[in-house]
């Protein structure tokens, strides 16, 4: 196994989260590429795991926590660690130690850059980005927001634990219209997919729907003020962020609000 940095040669594959066989990354647009180009100027680390045959099977992305989507200092934050597990496309690379190797490489890089610790987010339930997996690697919980746990591993005694950003009020609606508000940071392909589907669905209803996009990558004050980085709201109610809902489901949600608006 080999751990290597993302290069221009494999950047396209990284930006579609190793799913170059699927249609959804194309539907999500080029936001991850914009995020990558911007965050590389802010200290982003991005690495890939290759098997003995040179096939890319895993990835990790991390950055100084001051540039991340959580509150903290002198730490690095893991946005995502992913080992391809589908039978289709690249095939299943899980259960080979790729995740552990990627995590160790990121921690070593963070230490080399003077970080006092590493932070990551995890899910309490046993699926993607499992908090229990991070616990096995020496991480412990420091904050919680529903099922999302903020995990961290201090490297030194004086490291300060990170916290989730404080939850702000829901976005305001435009009087007389259904208001769809999309906060976009760009790091997550799934969230980019939700945003693009919401944009398309909003356009169907012409002037009955106001679509607003708030850039939390370029506007740090928006990020700190609302605590949302990648989220879509319809009249102040957030669309769920699990497996991305289909375009049809998002359109149906907006249509229901338009119907009430007419009433």
C-alpha atoms as a PDB file:
ATOM      1  CA  UNK A   1       0.000   0.000   0.000  1.00  0.00           C
ATOM      2  CA  UNK A   2       1.116   3.548  -0.736  1.00  0.00           C
ATOM      3  CA  UNK A   3      -0.148   6.897   0.561  1.00  0.00           C
ATOM      4  CA  UNK A   4       0.402   9.795  -1.827  1.00  0.00           C
ATOM      5  CA  UNK A   5      -0.628  13.431  -2.165  1.00  0.00           C
ATOM      6  CA  UNK A   6      -3.340  14.467  -4.582  1.00  0.00           C
ATOM      7  CA  UNK A   7      -1.757  15.764  -7.797  1.00  0.00           C
ATOM      8  CA  UNK A   8      -3.076  17.344 -10.965  1.00  0.00           C
ATOM      9  CA  UNK A   9      -3.069  13.883 -12.536  1.00  0.00           C
ATOM     10  CA  UNK A  10      -5.566  12.454 -10.038  1.00  0.00           C
ATOM     11  CA  UNK A  11      -7.353  15.647  -8.955  1.00  0.00           C
ATOM     12  CA  UNK A  12     -10.443  14.954 -11.071  1.00  0.00           C
ATOM     13  CA  UNK A  13     -10.829  11.564  -9.388  1.00  0.00           C
ATOM     14  CA  UNK A  14     -10.413  13.142  -5.942  1.00  0.00           C
ATOM     15  CA  UNK A  15     -13.035  15.793  -6.737  1.00  0.00           C
ATOM     16  CA  UNK A  16     -15.652  13.136  -7.509  1.00  0.00           C
ATOM     17  CA  UNK A  17     -14.767  11.218  -4.308  1.00  0.00           C
ATOM     18  CA  UNK A  18     -13.406   8.262  -6.343  1.00  0.00           C
ATOM     19  CA  UNK A  19     -16.826   7.762  -7.976  1.00  0.00           C
ATOM     20  CA  UNK A  20     -15.840   8.475 -11.575  1.00  0.00           C
ATOM     21  CA  UNK A  21     -18.160   5.634 -12.636  1.00  0.00           C
ATOM     22  CA  UNK A  22     -21.319   7.360 -11.332  1.00  0.00           C
ATOM     23  CA  UNK A  23     -23.580  10.071 -12.781  1.00  0.00           C
ATOM     24  CA  UNK A  24     -24.310  11.918  -9.522  1.00  0.00           C
ATOM     25  CA  UNK A  25     -20.876  13.625  -9.272  1.00  0.00           C
ATOM     26  CA  UNK A  26     -21.544  15.221 -12.648  1.00  0.00           C
ATOM     27  CA  UNK A  27     -24.939  16.407 -11.429  1.00  0.00           C
ATOM     28  CA  UNK A  28     -23.282  17.965  -8.363  1.00  0.00           C
ATOM     29  CA  UNK A  29     -21.294  20.345 -10.571  1.00  0.00           C
ATOM     30  CA  UNK A  30     -17.777  21.686 -10.052  1.00  0.00           C
ATOM     31  CA  UNK A  31     -18.097  23.039  -6.523  1.00  0.00           C
ATOM     32  CA  UNK A  32     -15.638  20.562  -5.026  1.00  0.00           C
ATOM     33  CA  UNK A  33     -12.986  21.698  -7.484  1.00  0.00           C
ATOM     34  CA  UNK A  34     -13.565  25.323  -6.465  1.00  0.00           C
ATOM     35  CA  UNK A  35     -13.381  24.270  -2.803  1.00  0.00           C
ATOM     36  CA  UNK A  36     -10.126  22.390  -3.426  1.00  0.00           C
ATOM     37  CA  UNK A  37      -8.481  25.262  -5.300  1.00  0.00           C
ATOM     38  CA  UNK A  38      -9.490  27.718  -2.567  1.00  0.00           C
ATOM     39  CA  UNK A  39      -8.580  25.511   0.383  1.00  0.00           C
ATOM     40  CA  UNK A  40      -5.164  24.595  -1.040  1.00  0.00           C
ATOM     41  CA  UNK A  41      -4.285  28.233  -0.464  1.00  0.00           C
ATOM     42  CA  UNK A  42      -5.436  27.832   3.149  1.00  0.00           C
ATOM     43  CA  UNK A  43      -3.392  24.759   4.044  1.00  0.00           C
ATOM     44  CA  UNK A  44      -5.574  21.888   2.803  1.00  0.00           C
ATOM     45  CA  UNK A  45      -4.018  18.437   2.919  1.00  0.00           C
ATOM     46  CA  UNK A  46      -5.388  15.815   0.528  1.00  0.00           C
ATOM     47  CA  UNK A  47      -4.049  12.285   0.224  1.00  0.00           C
ATOM     48  CA  UNK A  48      -4.920   9.093  -1.628  1.00  0.00           C
ATOM     49  CA  UNK A  49      -4.347   5.430  -0.788  1.00  0.00           C
ATOM     50  CA  UNK A  50      -3.140   3.059  -3.518  1.00  0.00           C
ATOM     51  CA  UNK A  51      -3.093  -0.722  -3.360  1.00  0.00           C
ATOM     52  CA  UNK A  52      -0.146  -2.872  -4.458  1.00  0.00           C
ATOM     53  CA  UNK A  53      -1.358  -2.687  -8.063  1.00  0.00           C
ATOM     54  CA  UNK A  54      -1.420   1.120  -7.991  1.00  0.00           C
ATOM     55  CA  UNK A  55      -5.209   1.376  -7.911  1.00  0.00           C
ATOM     56  CA  UNK A  56      -6.614   4.309  -5.915  1.00  0.00           C
ATOM     57  CA  UNK A  57      -9.017   3.068  -3.260  1.00  0.00           C
ATOM     58  CA  UNK A  58      -9.156   5.675  -0.495  1.00  0.00           C
ATOM     59  CA  UNK A  59      -8.832   9.391   0.253  1.00  0.00           C
ATOM     60  CA  UNK A  60      -8.619  11.862   3.125  1.00  0.00           C
ATOM     61  CA  UNK A  61      -8.933  15.661   3.256  1.00  0.00           C
ATOM     62  CA  UNK A  62      -7.982  17.868   6.204  1.00  0.00           C
ATOM     63  CA  UNK A  63      -7.060  21.481   6.929  1.00  0.00           C
ATOM     64  CA  UNK A  64      -6.150  23.894   9.735  1.00  0.00           C
ATOM     65  CA  UNK A  65      -9.197  24.048  11.974  1.00  0.00           C
ATOM     66  CA  UNK A  66      -9.276  27.844  11.765  1.00  0.00           C
ATOM     67  CA  UNK A  67     -10.195  27.386   8.085  1.00  0.00           C
ATOM     68  CA  UNK A  68     -12.679  24.593   8.708  1.00  0.00           C
ATOM     69  CA  UNK A  69     -16.382  24.215   9.499  1.00  0.00           C
ATOM     70  CA  UNK A  70     -15.914  23.953  13.296  1.00  0.00           C
ATOM     71  CA  UNK A  71     -14.541  26.266  15.988  1.00  0.00           C
ATOM     72  CA  UNK A  72     -11.050  25.652  17.331  1.00  0.00           C
ATOM     73  CA  UNK A  73      -7.406  26.674  17.198  1.00  0.00           C
ATOM     74  CA  UNK A  74      -3.992  25.110  16.646  1.00  0.00           C
ATOM     75  CA  UNK A  75      -5.544  21.858  15.422  1.00  0.00           C
ATOM     76  CA  UNK A  76      -6.181  20.236  12.068  1.00  0.00           C
ATOM     77  CA  UNK A  77      -9.675  19.093  11.094  1.00  0.00           C
ATOM     78  CA  UNK A  78     -10.588  16.073   8.973  1.00  0.00           C
ATOM     79  CA  UNK A  79     -13.398  16.925   6.595  1.00  0.00           C
ATOM     80  CA  UNK A  80     -13.688  13.402   5.274  1.00  0.00           C
ATOM     81  CA  UNK A  81     -11.941  10.053   5.106  1.00  0.00           C
ATOM     82  CA  UNK A  82     -13.345   7.588   2.591  1.00  0.00           C
ATOM     83  CA  UNK A  83     -12.379   4.140   1.368  1.00  0.00           C
ATOM     84  CA  UNK A  84     -14.322   3.062  -1.702  1.00  0.00           C
ATOM     85  CA  UNK A  85     -16.678   0.245  -0.730  1.00  0.00           C
ATOM     86  CA  UNK A  86     -18.931  -0.277  -3.738  1.00  0.00           C
ATOM     87  CA  UNK A  87     -18.692  -3.442  -5.806  1.00  0.00           C
ATOM     88  CA  UNK A  88     -19.313  -1.385  -8.932  1.00  0.00           C
ATOM     89  CA  UNK A  89     -16.855   1.143 -10.265  1.00  0.00           C
ATOM     90  CA  UNK A  90     -13.485   0.879  -8.571  1.00  0.00           C
ATOM     91  CA  UNK A  91     -14.516  -2.077  -6.457  1.00  0.00           C
ATOM     92  CA  UNK A  92     -14.421  -2.653  -2.708  1.00  0.00           C
ATOM     93  CA  UNK A  93     -11.158  -1.590  -1.026  1.00  0.00           C
ATOM     94  CA  UNK A  94     -12.423  -1.705   2.561  1.00  0.00           C
ATOM     95  CA  UNK A  95     -11.070  -3.946   5.325  1.00  0.00           C
ATOM     96  CA  UNK A  96      -7.520  -3.649   3.977  1.00  0.00           C
ATOM     97  CA  UNK A  97      -6.164  -1.032   6.370  1.00  0.00           C
ATOM     98  CA  UNK A  98      -6.402   1.872   3.932  1.00  0.00           C
ATOM     99  CA  UNK A  99      -8.388   4.054   6.328  1.00  0.00           C
ATOM    100  CA  UNK A 100      -5.890   3.551   9.135  1.00  0.00           C
ATOM    101  CA  UNK A 101      -2.966   4.292   6.840  1.00  0.00           C
ATOM    102  CA  UNK A 102      -4.627   7.485   5.573  1.00  0.00           C
ATOM    103  CA  UNK A 103      -5.420   8.653   9.106  1.00  0.00           C
ATOM    104  CA  UNK A 104      -1.860   8.030  10.285  1.00  0.00           C
ATOM    105  CA  UNK A 105      -0.436   9.910   7.295  1.00  0.00           C
ATOM    106  CA  UNK A 106      -2.726  12.902   7.953  1.00  0.00           C
ATOM    107  CA  UNK A 107      -1.819  12.971  11.648  1.00  0.00           C
ATOM    108  CA  UNK A 108       1.879  12.848  10.797  1.00  0.00           C
ATOM    109  CA  UNK A 109       1.442  15.720   8.349  1.00  0.00           C
ATOM    110  CA  UNK A 110      -0.491  17.767  10.918  1.00  0.00           C
ATOM    111  CA  UNK A 111       2.233  17.224  13.521  1.00  0.00           C
ATOM    112  CA  UNK A 112       4.856  18.319  10.996  1.00  0.00           C
ATOM    113  CA  UNK A 113       2.925  21.564  10.510  1.00  0.00           C
ATOM    114  CA  UNK A 114       2.919  22.224  14.277  1.00  0.00           C
ATOM    115  CA  UNK A 115      -0.650  21.186  15.072  1.00  0.00           C
ATOM    116  CA  UNK A 116      -1.467  20.464  18.695  1.00  0.00           C
ATOM    117  CA  UNK A 117      -4.039  17.843  17.795  1.00  0.00           C
ATOM    118  CA  UNK A 118      -6.417  16.445  15.208  1.00  0.00           C
ATOM    119  CA  UNK A 119     -10.203  16.764  15.093  1.00  0.00           C
ATOM    120  CA  UNK A 120     -12.840  14.992  13.029  1.00  0.00           C
ATOM    121  CA  UNK A 121     -16.582  14.574  12.904  1.00  0.00           C
ATOM    122  CA  UNK A 122     -18.233  11.199  13.272  1.00  0.00           C
ATOM    123  CA  UNK A 123     -21.713   9.685  13.228  1.00  0.00           C
ATOM    124  CA  UNK A 124     -23.067   7.906  16.296  1.00  0.00           C
ATOM    125  CA  UNK A 125     -24.714   5.240  14.115  1.00  0.00           C
ATOM    126  CA  UNK A 126     -22.618   2.502  12.475  1.00  0.00           C
ATOM    127  CA  UNK A 127     -22.288   3.757   8.916  1.00  0.00           C
ATOM    128  CA  UNK A 128     -20.157   6.326   7.070  1.00  0.00           C
ATOM    129  CA  UNK A 129     -17.641   8.336   9.175  1.00  0.00           C
ATOM    130  CA  UNK A 130     -18.324   6.190  12.227  1.00  0.00           C
ATOM    131  CA  UNK A 131     -17.427   7.828  15.536  1.00  0.00           C
ATOM    132  CA  UNK A 132     -16.617   4.368  16.901  1.00  0.00           C
ATOM    133  CA  UNK A 133     -13.891   3.967  14.259  1.00  0.00           C
ATOM    134  CA  UNK A 134     -12.198   7.156  15.413  1.00  0.00           C
ATOM    135  CA  UNK A 135     -12.421   5.970  19.030  1.00  0.00           C
ATOM    136  CA  UNK A 136     -10.450   2.871  18.061  1.00  0.00           C
ATOM    137  CA  UNK A 137      -7.722   5.220  16.853  1.00  0.00           C
ATOM    138  CA  UNK A 138      -7.457   7.215  20.067  1.00  0.00           C
ATOM    139  CA  UNK A 139     -10.037   9.934  19.443  1.00  0.00           C
ATOM    140  CA  UNK A 140     -12.589  10.988  22.034  1.00  0.00           C
ATOM    141  CA  UNK A 141     -15.784  13.016  21.922  1.00  0.00           C
ATOM    142  CA  UNK A 142     -15.637  16.698  22.721  1.00  0.00           C
ATOM    143  CA  UNK A 143     -19.007  17.953  21.441  1.00  0.00           C
ATOM    144  CA  UNK A 144     -22.274  16.632  20.013  1.00  0.00           C
ATOM    145  CA  UNK A 145     -25.017  17.863  17.689  1.00  0.00           C
ATOM    146  CA  UNK A 146     -27.667  15.156  17.408  1.00  0.00           C
ATOM    147  CA  UNK A 147     -26.076  12.122  15.775  1.00  0.00           C
ATOM    148  CA  UNK A 148     -23.017  14.132  14.726  1.00  0.00           C
ATOM    149  CA  UNK A 149     -20.152  13.834  17.199  1.00  0.00           C
ATOM    150  CA  UNK A 150     -17.086  16.057  17.199  1.00  0.00           C
ATOM    151  CA  UNK A 151     -14.052  13.885  17.933  1.00  0.00           C
ATOM    152  CA  UNK A 152     -10.483  14.867  18.666  1.00  0.00           C
ATOM    153  CA  UNK A 153      -7.029  13.542  19.534  1.00  0.00           C
ATOM    154  CA  UNK A 154      -4.685  15.983  21.335  1.00  0.00           C
ATOM    155  CA  UNK A 155      -1.001  15.672  20.514  1.00  0.00           C
ATOM    156  CA  UNK A 156       0.151  17.848  23.442  1.00  0.00           C
ATOM    157  CA  UNK A 157      -1.136  18.569  26.941  1.00  0.00           C
ATOM    158  CA  UNK A 158      -2.112  22.200  26.321  1.00  0.00           C
ATOM    159  CA  UNK A 159      -4.284  21.492  23.272  1.00  0.00           C
ATOM    160  CA  UNK A 160      -7.746  23.076  23.477  1.00  0.00           C
ATOM    161  CA  UNK A 161     -10.722  20.895  22.452  1.00  0.00           C
ATOM    162  CA  UNK A 162     -12.781  22.118  19.484  1.00  0.00           C
ATOM    163  CA  UNK A 163     -16.504  22.864  19.512  1.00  0.00           C
ATOM    164  CA  UNK A 164     -19.315  22.882  17.013  1.00  0.00           C
ATOM    165  CA  UNK A 165     -20.214  26.340  15.805  1.00  0.00           C
ATOM    166  CA  UNK A 166     -23.192  27.732  17.687  1.00  0.00           C
ATOM    167  CA  UNK A 167     -26.537  27.130  16.000  1.00  0.00           C
ATOM    168  CA  UNK A 168     -27.944  30.343  14.588  1.00  0.00           C
ATOM    169  CA  UNK A 169     -31.542  31.189  13.712  1.00  0.00           C
ATOM    170  CA  UNK A 170     -33.110  29.660  10.583  1.00  0.00           C
ATOM    171  CA  UNK A 171     -32.895  31.811   7.447  1.00  0.00           C
ATOM    172  CA  UNK A 172     -35.604  34.427   6.992  1.00  0.00           C
ATOM    173  CA  UNK A 173     -38.270  33.945   4.348  1.00  0.00           C
ATOM    174  CA  UNK A 174     -39.141  36.477   1.674  1.00  0.00           C
ATOM    175  CA  UNK A 175     -42.738  37.679   2.223  1.00  0.00           C
ATOM    176  CA  UNK A 176     -45.165  36.394  -0.380  1.00  0.00           C
ATOM    177  CA  UNK A 177     -42.780  33.760  -1.769  1.00  0.00           C
ATOM    178  CA  UNK A 178     -41.490  30.314  -0.964  1.00  0.00           C
ATOM    179  CA  UNK A 179     -37.888  30.868   0.062  1.00  0.00           C
ATOM    180  CA  UNK A 180     -35.216  28.288  -0.664  1.00  0.00           C
ATOM    181  CA  UNK A 181     -31.922  29.161   1.046  1.00  0.00           C
ATOM    182  CA  UNK A 182     -28.779  27.205   0.209  1.00  0.00           C
ATOM    183  CA  UNK A 183     -25.613  27.525   2.275  1.00  0.00           C
ATOM    184  CA  UNK A 184     -22.660  26.195   0.306  1.00  0.00           C
ATOM    185  CA  UNK A 185     -19.073  25.490   1.331  1.00  0.00           C
ATOM    186  CA  UNK A 186     -18.367  22.983  -1.419  1.00  0.00           C
ATOM    187  CA  UNK A 187     -16.374  20.303   0.410  1.00  0.00           C
ATOM    188  CA  UNK A 188     -19.042  17.564   0.279  1.00  0.00           C
ATOM    189  CA  UNK A 189     -20.192  16.115  -3.016  1.00  0.00           C
ATOM    190  CA  UNK A 190     -23.474  14.922  -1.487  1.00  0.00           C
ATOM    191  CA  UNK A 191     -24.305  18.391  -0.184  1.00  0.00           C
ATOM    192  CA  UNK A 192     -23.408  19.929  -3.539  1.00  0.00           C
ATOM    193  CA  UNK A 193     -25.841  17.499  -5.128  1.00  0.00           C
ATOM    194  CA  UNK A 194     -28.681  18.599  -2.818  1.00  0.00           C
ATOM    195  CA  UNK A 195     -27.986  22.248  -3.613  1.00  0.00           C
ATOM    196  CA  UNK A 196     -28.008  21.748  -7.368  1.00  0.00           C
ATOM    197  CA  UNK A 197     -31.228  19.742  -7.220  1.00  0.00           C
ATOM    198  CA  UNK A 198     -32.837  22.446  -5.067  1.00  0.00           C
ATOM    199  CA  UNK A 199     -31.718  25.121  -7.521  1.00  0.00           C
ATOM    200  CA  UNK A 200     -33.221  23.234 -10.467  1.00  0.00           C
ATOM    201  CA  UNK A 201     -36.448  22.524  -8.609  1.00  0.00           C
ATOM    202  CA  UNK A 202     -36.810  26.157  -7.534  1.00  0.00           C
ATOM    203  CA  UNK A 203     -36.504  27.384 -11.112  1.00  0.00           C
ATOM    204  CA  UNK A 204     -39.603  25.388 -12.118  1.00  0.00           C
ATOM    205  CA  UNK A 205     -41.878  27.667 -10.110  1.00  0.00           C
ATOM    206  CA  UNK A 206     -40.644  30.930 -11.642  1.00  0.00           C
ATOM    207  CA  UNK A 207     -41.307  33.991  -9.467  1.00  0.00           C
ATOM    208  CA  UNK A 208     -43.203  32.032  -6.809  1.00  0.00           C
ATOM    209  CA  UNK A 209     -39.910  30.768  -5.356  1.00  0.00           C
ATOM    210  CA  UNK A 210     -36.975  32.876  -4.219  1.00  0.00           C
ATOM    211  CA  UNK A 211     -33.713  30.907  -4.390  1.00  0.00           C
ATOM    212  CA  UNK A 212     -30.877  32.329  -2.331  1.00  0.00           C
ATOM    213  CA  UNK A 213     -27.335  31.003  -2.212  1.00  0.00           C
ATOM    214  CA  UNK A 214     -24.968  31.928   0.626  1.00  0.00           C
ATOM    215  CA  UNK A 215     -21.279  31.256   0.026  1.00  0.00           C
ATOM    216  CA  UNK A 216     -19.744  30.065   3.316  1.00  0.00           C
ATOM    217  CA  UNK A 217     -16.411  29.268   1.690  1.00  0.00           C
ATOM    218  CA  UNK A 218     -15.711  32.812   0.568  1.00  0.00           C
ATOM    219  CA  UNK A 219     -17.591  34.593   3.346  1.00  0.00           C
ATOM    220  CA  UNK A 220     -16.324  33.565   6.768  1.00  0.00           C
ATOM    221  CA  UNK A 221     -18.769  35.895   8.547  1.00  0.00           C
ATOM    222  CA  UNK A 222     -21.713  33.971   7.107  1.00  0.00           C
ATOM    223  CA  UNK A 223     -20.149  30.737   8.305  1.00  0.00           C
ATOM    224  CA  UNK A 224     -19.616  32.030  11.828  1.00  0.00           C
ATOM    225  CA  UNK A 225     -22.954  33.812  11.969  1.00  0.00           C
ATOM    226  CA  UNK A 226     -25.251  30.987  10.977  1.00  0.00           C
ATOM    227  CA  UNK A 227     -23.288  27.826  11.860  1.00  0.00           C
ATOM    228  CA  UNK A 228     -24.433  26.298   8.581  1.00  0.00           C
ATOM    229  CA  UNK A 229     -21.879  25.492   5.917  1.00  0.00           C
ATOM    230  CA  UNK A 230     -23.698  23.152   3.547  1.00  0.00           C
ATOM    231  CA  UNK A 231     -27.450  23.057   4.058  1.00  0.00           C
ATOM    232  CA  UNK A 232     -30.655  23.778   2.148  1.00  0.00           C
ATOM    233  CA  UNK A 233     -33.747  25.263   3.790  1.00  0.00           C
ATOM    234  CA  UNK A 234     -37.248  25.569   2.389  1.00  0.00           C
ATOM    235  CA  UNK A 235     -39.108  28.328   4.260  1.00  0.00           C
ATOM    236  CA  UNK A 236     -36.771  27.874   7.215  1.00  0.00           C
ATOM    237  CA  UNK A 237     -37.052  24.083   7.407  1.00  0.00           C
ATOM    238  CA  UNK A 238     -33.902  22.177   6.578  1.00  0.00           C
ATOM    239  CA  UNK A 239     -33.900  19.394   3.996  1.00  0.00           C
ATOM    240  CA  UNK A 240     -32.434  16.259   5.538  1.00  0.00           C
ATOM    241  CA  UNK A 241     -28.741  15.683   4.892  1.00  0.00           C
ATOM    242  CA  UNK A 242     -28.497  11.892   4.859  1.00  0.00           C
ATOM    243  CA  UNK A 243     -28.408  10.142   1.499  1.00  0.00           C
ATOM    244  CA  UNK A 244     -29.211  13.029  -0.880  1.00  0.00           C
ATOM    245  CA  UNK A 245     -32.968  13.217  -1.548  1.00  0.00           C
ATOM    246  CA  UNK A 246     -33.929  12.919  -5.197  1.00  0.00           C
ATOM    247  CA  UNK A 247     -34.741  15.883  -7.399  1.00  0.00           C
ATOM    248  CA  UNK A 248     -38.365  14.694  -7.471  1.00  0.00           C
ATOM    249  CA  UNK A 249     -38.591  14.679  -3.674  1.00  0.00           C
ATOM    250  CA  UNK A 250     -37.073  18.138  -3.332  1.00  0.00           C
ATOM    251  CA  UNK A 251     -39.409  19.486  -6.008  1.00  0.00           C
ATOM    252  CA  UNK A 252     -42.377  17.912  -4.215  1.00  0.00           C
ATOM    253  CA  UNK A 253     -41.339  19.631  -0.968  1.00  0.00           C
ATOM    254  CA  UNK A 254     -41.149  23.011  -2.687  1.00  0.00           C
ATOM    255  CA  UNK A 255     -44.431  22.382  -4.539  1.00  0.00           C
ATOM    256  CA  UNK A 256     -46.181  21.723  -1.240  1.00  0.00           C
ATOM    257  CA  UNK A 257     -45.066  25.085   0.068  1.00  0.00           C
ATOM    258  CA  UNK A 258     -46.124  26.815  -3.174  1.00  0.00           C
ATOM    259  CA  UNK A 259     -49.587  25.238  -2.846  1.00  0.00           C
ATOM    260  CA  UNK A 260     -49.947  26.629   0.668  1.00  0.00           C
ATOM    261  CA  UNK A 261     -48.763  29.979  -0.588  1.00  0.00           C
ATOM    262  CA  UNK A 262     -51.623  30.105  -3.083  1.00  0.00           C
ATOM    263  CA  UNK A 263     -54.110  29.164  -0.398  1.00  0.00           C
END
